[in-house]
N, C-alpha and C. Protein backbone atom coordinates (compact mmCIF):
# COMPACT_ATOMS: atom_id res chain seq x y z
N MET A 1 111.07 93.95 93.00
CA MET A 1 109.81 94.34 93.85
C MET A 1 110.23 95.31 94.91
N GLN A 2 109.26 96.73 94.67
CA GLN A 2 109.22 97.25 95.79
C GLN A 2 108.46 97.59 96.40
N HIS A 3 109.00 97.99 97.90
CA HIS A 3 108.22 98.05 99.60
C HIS A 3 107.94 99.73 99.46
N ARG A 4 106.66 99.74 99.99
CA ARG A 4 106.08 100.84 100.15
C ARG A 4 107.20 101.49 101.32
N GLN A 5 107.14 102.66 101.48
CA GLN A 5 108.19 103.10 102.55
C GLN A 5 107.42 103.88 103.78
N PRO A 6 107.54 104.39 104.55
CA PRO A 6 106.56 104.85 105.73
C PRO A 6 106.93 106.05 105.00
N SER A 7 105.81 107.23 105.20
CA SER A 7 106.16 108.40 104.92
C SER A 7 106.80 109.05 105.54
N ARG A 8 107.27 108.61 107.23
CA ARG A 8 108.13 110.15 107.79
C ARG A 8 109.29 108.86 108.51
N SER A 9 110.15 109.53 108.91
CA SER A 9 111.41 108.16 109.89
C SER A 9 110.93 107.77 110.95
N PRO A 10 111.43 106.49 111.43
CA PRO A 10 110.91 105.85 112.43
C PRO A 10 110.88 106.85 113.67
N GLY A 11 111.79 107.27 113.75
CA GLY A 11 111.72 108.43 114.98
C GLY A 11 111.11 109.50 114.85
N GLU A 12 110.27 110.16 113.86
CA GLU A 12 109.01 111.34 114.21
C GLU A 12 108.14 110.34 114.01
N ASN A 13 108.13 108.81 114.37
CA ASN A 13 106.77 108.69 114.35
C ASN A 13 106.77 107.94 116.13
N GLU A 14 105.24 108.15 116.90
CA GLU A 14 105.70 108.58 118.18
C GLU A 14 105.59 106.87 118.65
N THR A 15 104.60 106.65 117.89
CA THR A 15 103.64 105.25 117.82
C THR A 15 105.46 103.87 117.50
N PHE A 16 106.06 103.81 117.05
CA PHE A 16 107.48 103.38 116.17
C PHE A 16 108.41 104.11 117.59
N VAL A 17 108.71 104.65 118.28
CA VAL A 17 108.92 105.36 119.39
C VAL A 17 109.48 104.47 121.00
N ARG A 18 107.61 104.39 120.75
CA ARG A 18 106.98 103.52 121.50
C ARG A 18 107.19 101.96 121.90
N LEU A 19 106.90 101.59 120.90
CA LEU A 19 107.17 100.16 120.36
C LEU A 19 108.36 100.11 120.75
N ILE A 20 109.63 100.41 120.65
CA ILE A 20 110.93 99.80 121.20
C ILE A 20 110.99 100.32 122.30
N GLU A 21 110.27 101.05 123.15
CA GLU A 21 110.35 101.86 124.55
C GLU A 21 109.67 100.58 125.09
N ILE A 22 108.68 100.12 124.45
CA ILE A 22 108.02 98.78 125.49
C ILE A 22 109.15 97.41 125.27
N ALA A 23 109.65 96.90 123.95
CA ALA A 23 110.47 96.04 123.28
C ALA A 23 111.77 96.02 124.89
N GLN A 24 112.15 97.46 125.10
CA GLN A 24 113.26 97.46 125.73
C GLN A 24 112.87 97.08 126.82
N GLU A 25 111.47 96.74 127.72
CA GLU A 25 110.77 96.85 129.04
C GLU A 25 110.48 95.53 129.45
N ASP A 26 110.26 94.85 128.49
CA ASP A 26 109.53 93.53 128.33
C ASP A 26 109.97 92.33 127.53
N GLY A 27 110.71 91.26 127.77
CA GLY A 27 111.33 90.91 127.96
C GLY A 27 110.69 89.57 127.06
N GLN A 28 109.38 89.70 126.70
CA GLN A 28 108.65 89.15 125.53
C GLN A 28 108.47 89.49 124.32
N VAL A 29 108.29 91.11 124.53
CA VAL A 29 108.23 91.38 123.20
C VAL A 29 109.38 91.59 122.45
N ARG A 30 110.36 92.00 123.03
CA ARG A 30 111.90 91.65 122.81
C ARG A 30 112.67 90.72 121.86
N GLU A 31 111.85 89.58 122.98
CA GLU A 31 112.55 88.63 121.81
C GLU A 31 111.47 88.64 120.80
N GLN A 32 110.10 88.58 120.53
CA GLN A 32 109.55 88.55 119.81
C GLN A 32 109.51 89.44 118.29
N ILE A 33 110.55 91.05 118.45
CA ILE A 33 110.86 91.83 118.30
C ILE A 33 112.02 91.29 117.13
N LEU A 34 112.75 90.43 117.90
CA LEU A 34 113.84 90.44 118.06
C LEU A 34 114.02 88.89 116.86
N GLY A 35 113.30 88.05 117.33
CA GLY A 35 113.09 86.63 116.25
C GLY A 35 112.77 86.70 115.26
N LEU A 36 111.98 88.11 115.18
CA LEU A 36 111.22 88.39 113.47
C LEU A 36 112.59 89.09 113.42
N LEU A 37 113.76 90.00 113.36
CA LEU A 37 114.67 91.14 112.86
C LEU A 37 115.75 90.24 112.68
N ARG A 38 115.89 88.92 113.08
CA ARG A 38 117.07 88.32 113.21
C ARG A 38 116.49 87.09 111.63
N LEU A 39 115.42 87.60 111.21
CA LEU A 39 115.06 86.40 110.12
C LEU A 39 116.37 87.02 109.15
N ALA A 40 116.08 86.42 107.74
CA ALA A 40 116.84 86.94 106.37
C ALA A 40 116.15 87.83 105.99
N PRO A 41 116.57 88.50 105.42
CA PRO A 41 116.12 90.75 104.94
C PRO A 41 114.86 89.93 103.84
N PHE A 42 114.38 88.70 103.44
CA PHE A 42 113.72 88.11 102.07
C PHE A 42 112.57 88.12 103.37
N GLN A 43 112.65 86.73 104.07
CA GLN A 43 111.60 86.38 104.93
C GLN A 43 111.33 87.37 105.99
N ARG A 44 112.34 89.06 106.58
CA ARG A 44 111.47 89.33 107.27
C ARG A 44 110.80 90.28 106.98
N ARG A 45 110.95 90.59 105.27
CA ARG A 45 109.94 91.57 104.98
C ARG A 45 108.66 90.84 104.61
N SER A 46 108.50 89.06 103.72
CA SER A 46 107.38 88.45 103.80
C SER A 46 106.37 88.66 105.02
N ILE A 47 106.45 88.20 106.45
CA ILE A 47 106.26 87.88 107.70
C ILE A 47 105.47 89.59 107.54
N LEU A 48 106.70 90.76 107.44
CA LEU A 48 106.40 91.58 107.72
C LEU A 48 104.84 92.54 106.78
N ASN A 49 105.16 92.49 106.06
CA ASN A 49 104.01 92.58 104.72
C ASN A 49 103.09 91.45 104.78
N THR A 50 102.66 90.27 105.45
CA THR A 50 101.67 89.50 105.62
C THR A 50 101.45 90.09 106.52
N GLN A 51 102.11 90.29 107.32
CA GLN A 51 101.13 91.27 108.77
C GLN A 51 100.91 92.62 108.45
N LEU A 52 101.42 93.09 107.94
CA LEU A 52 101.08 94.66 107.82
C LEU A 52 99.36 95.18 106.75
N ASP A 53 99.28 93.83 105.65
CA ASP A 53 97.95 93.86 104.98
C ASP A 53 96.84 93.23 106.36
N GLN A 54 97.01 92.44 106.97
CA GLN A 54 96.52 92.02 108.37
C GLN A 54 96.23 93.01 108.72
N MET A 55 97.09 94.18 108.89
CA MET A 55 96.77 95.24 109.72
C MET A 55 95.67 96.13 109.22
N ARG A 56 96.07 95.99 108.11
CA ARG A 56 95.29 96.70 107.15
C ARG A 56 94.06 96.56 107.12
N LEU A 57 93.32 95.40 106.89
CA LEU A 57 92.37 94.52 106.76
C LEU A 57 91.66 94.42 108.17
N GLN A 58 92.32 94.94 108.98
CA GLN A 58 91.34 94.61 110.84
C GLN A 58 91.02 95.93 111.02
N GLY A 59 92.07 97.08 110.19
CA GLY A 59 91.82 98.29 110.29
C GLY A 59 92.66 98.83 111.73
N ALA A 60 93.87 98.39 111.90
CA ALA A 60 94.51 98.52 112.86
C ALA A 60 95.10 100.52 112.44
N PRO A 61 95.30 100.90 113.56
CA PRO A 61 95.60 102.44 113.74
C PRO A 61 96.50 102.49 112.86
N GLN A 62 96.90 103.59 111.76
CA GLN A 62 97.91 104.03 110.34
C GLN A 62 99.06 104.23 111.09
N GLU A 63 99.67 104.49 112.21
CA GLU A 63 100.69 105.40 112.95
C GLU A 63 101.31 103.59 113.26
N PHE A 64 100.74 102.85 113.61
CA PHE A 64 101.20 101.73 114.54
C PHE A 64 101.25 100.58 113.07
N ILE A 65 100.63 101.15 111.89
CA ILE A 65 101.03 99.79 110.40
C ILE A 65 102.75 100.80 110.32
N GLU A 66 102.55 102.27 110.20
CA GLU A 66 103.54 103.26 109.90
C GLU A 66 105.02 102.70 110.63
N ALA A 67 104.57 102.19 112.12
CA ALA A 67 105.70 101.78 112.87
C ALA A 67 106.61 100.55 112.53
N MET A 68 105.96 99.77 112.48
CA MET A 68 105.92 98.74 111.77
C MET A 68 106.42 98.29 110.26
N ALA A 69 105.97 99.40 109.70
CA ALA A 69 106.41 98.77 107.92
C ALA A 69 108.03 99.14 107.85
N SER A 70 108.38 100.50 109.25
CA SER A 70 109.45 100.97 109.48
C SER A 70 110.84 100.11 109.47
N LEU A 71 110.30 98.59 110.24
CA LEU A 71 110.90 97.61 109.85
C LEU A 71 111.44 96.72 108.75
N LEU A 72 110.61 97.38 108.12
CA LEU A 72 110.91 96.53 106.32
C LEU A 72 112.30 97.15 106.22
N ASP A 73 112.82 98.25 106.48
CA ASP A 73 114.46 98.76 105.75
C ASP A 73 115.39 98.09 106.71
N ASP A 74 116.02 97.23 105.60
CA ASP A 74 117.15 96.39 106.71
C ASP A 74 117.79 97.95 107.75
N ALA A 75 118.50 98.60 106.76
CA ALA A 75 119.30 99.42 108.17
C ALA A 75 117.72 100.03 109.41
N VAL A 76 117.01 100.21 109.30
CA VAL A 76 116.28 100.33 110.65
C VAL A 76 116.13 98.86 111.44
N ALA A 77 116.20 98.06 110.59
CA ALA A 77 116.00 96.87 111.28
C ALA A 77 117.24 96.57 112.25
N GLU A 78 118.60 96.68 111.73
CA GLU A 78 119.62 96.74 111.60
C GLU A 78 120.15 97.02 113.36
N ARG A 79 119.85 99.04 113.31
CA ARG A 79 119.63 99.22 114.15
C ARG A 79 118.64 99.09 115.92
N VAL A 80 117.56 98.56 115.06
CA VAL A 80 116.34 98.23 116.72
C VAL A 80 117.38 96.61 116.88
N ILE A 81 117.91 95.97 116.30
CA ILE A 81 118.11 95.08 117.01
C ILE A 81 119.26 95.32 117.60
N PHE A 82 120.58 96.55 117.48
CA PHE A 82 121.15 96.90 118.17
C PHE A 82 120.65 97.29 119.19
N LEU A 83 119.66 98.18 119.26
CA LEU A 83 119.20 98.27 120.91
C LEU A 83 118.41 98.10 121.51
N LEU A 84 117.78 96.82 120.86
CA LEU A 84 117.20 95.56 121.91
C LEU A 84 118.01 95.03 122.62
N LYS A 85 119.81 94.23 121.84
CA LYS A 85 120.10 93.85 122.37
C LYS A 85 121.54 94.06 123.60
N THR A 86 121.23 95.73 123.63
CA THR A 86 122.12 96.30 124.43
C THR A 86 121.11 96.73 125.65
N VAL A 87 120.11 96.26 126.01
CA VAL A 87 119.46 96.21 127.28
C VAL A 87 119.33 95.27 127.75
């Protein structure tokens, strides 16, 4: 099963960068993201794909969808866990 990858790297998406900044500043947001990222990769992708589909249906901004889609990538997920655990 192939997953659509974001069209650019997460670091180039200002919304992704801001999402991480908010997670670093807000403990509740941080714990929600970490909870998702700590799941097994298959579970994380399944939940994220469901959330991404819901966001698309609800007309969420494309940059936000791309920011969240970045978390489908295992390497990005691991890096975000590292960044958020060191706060």
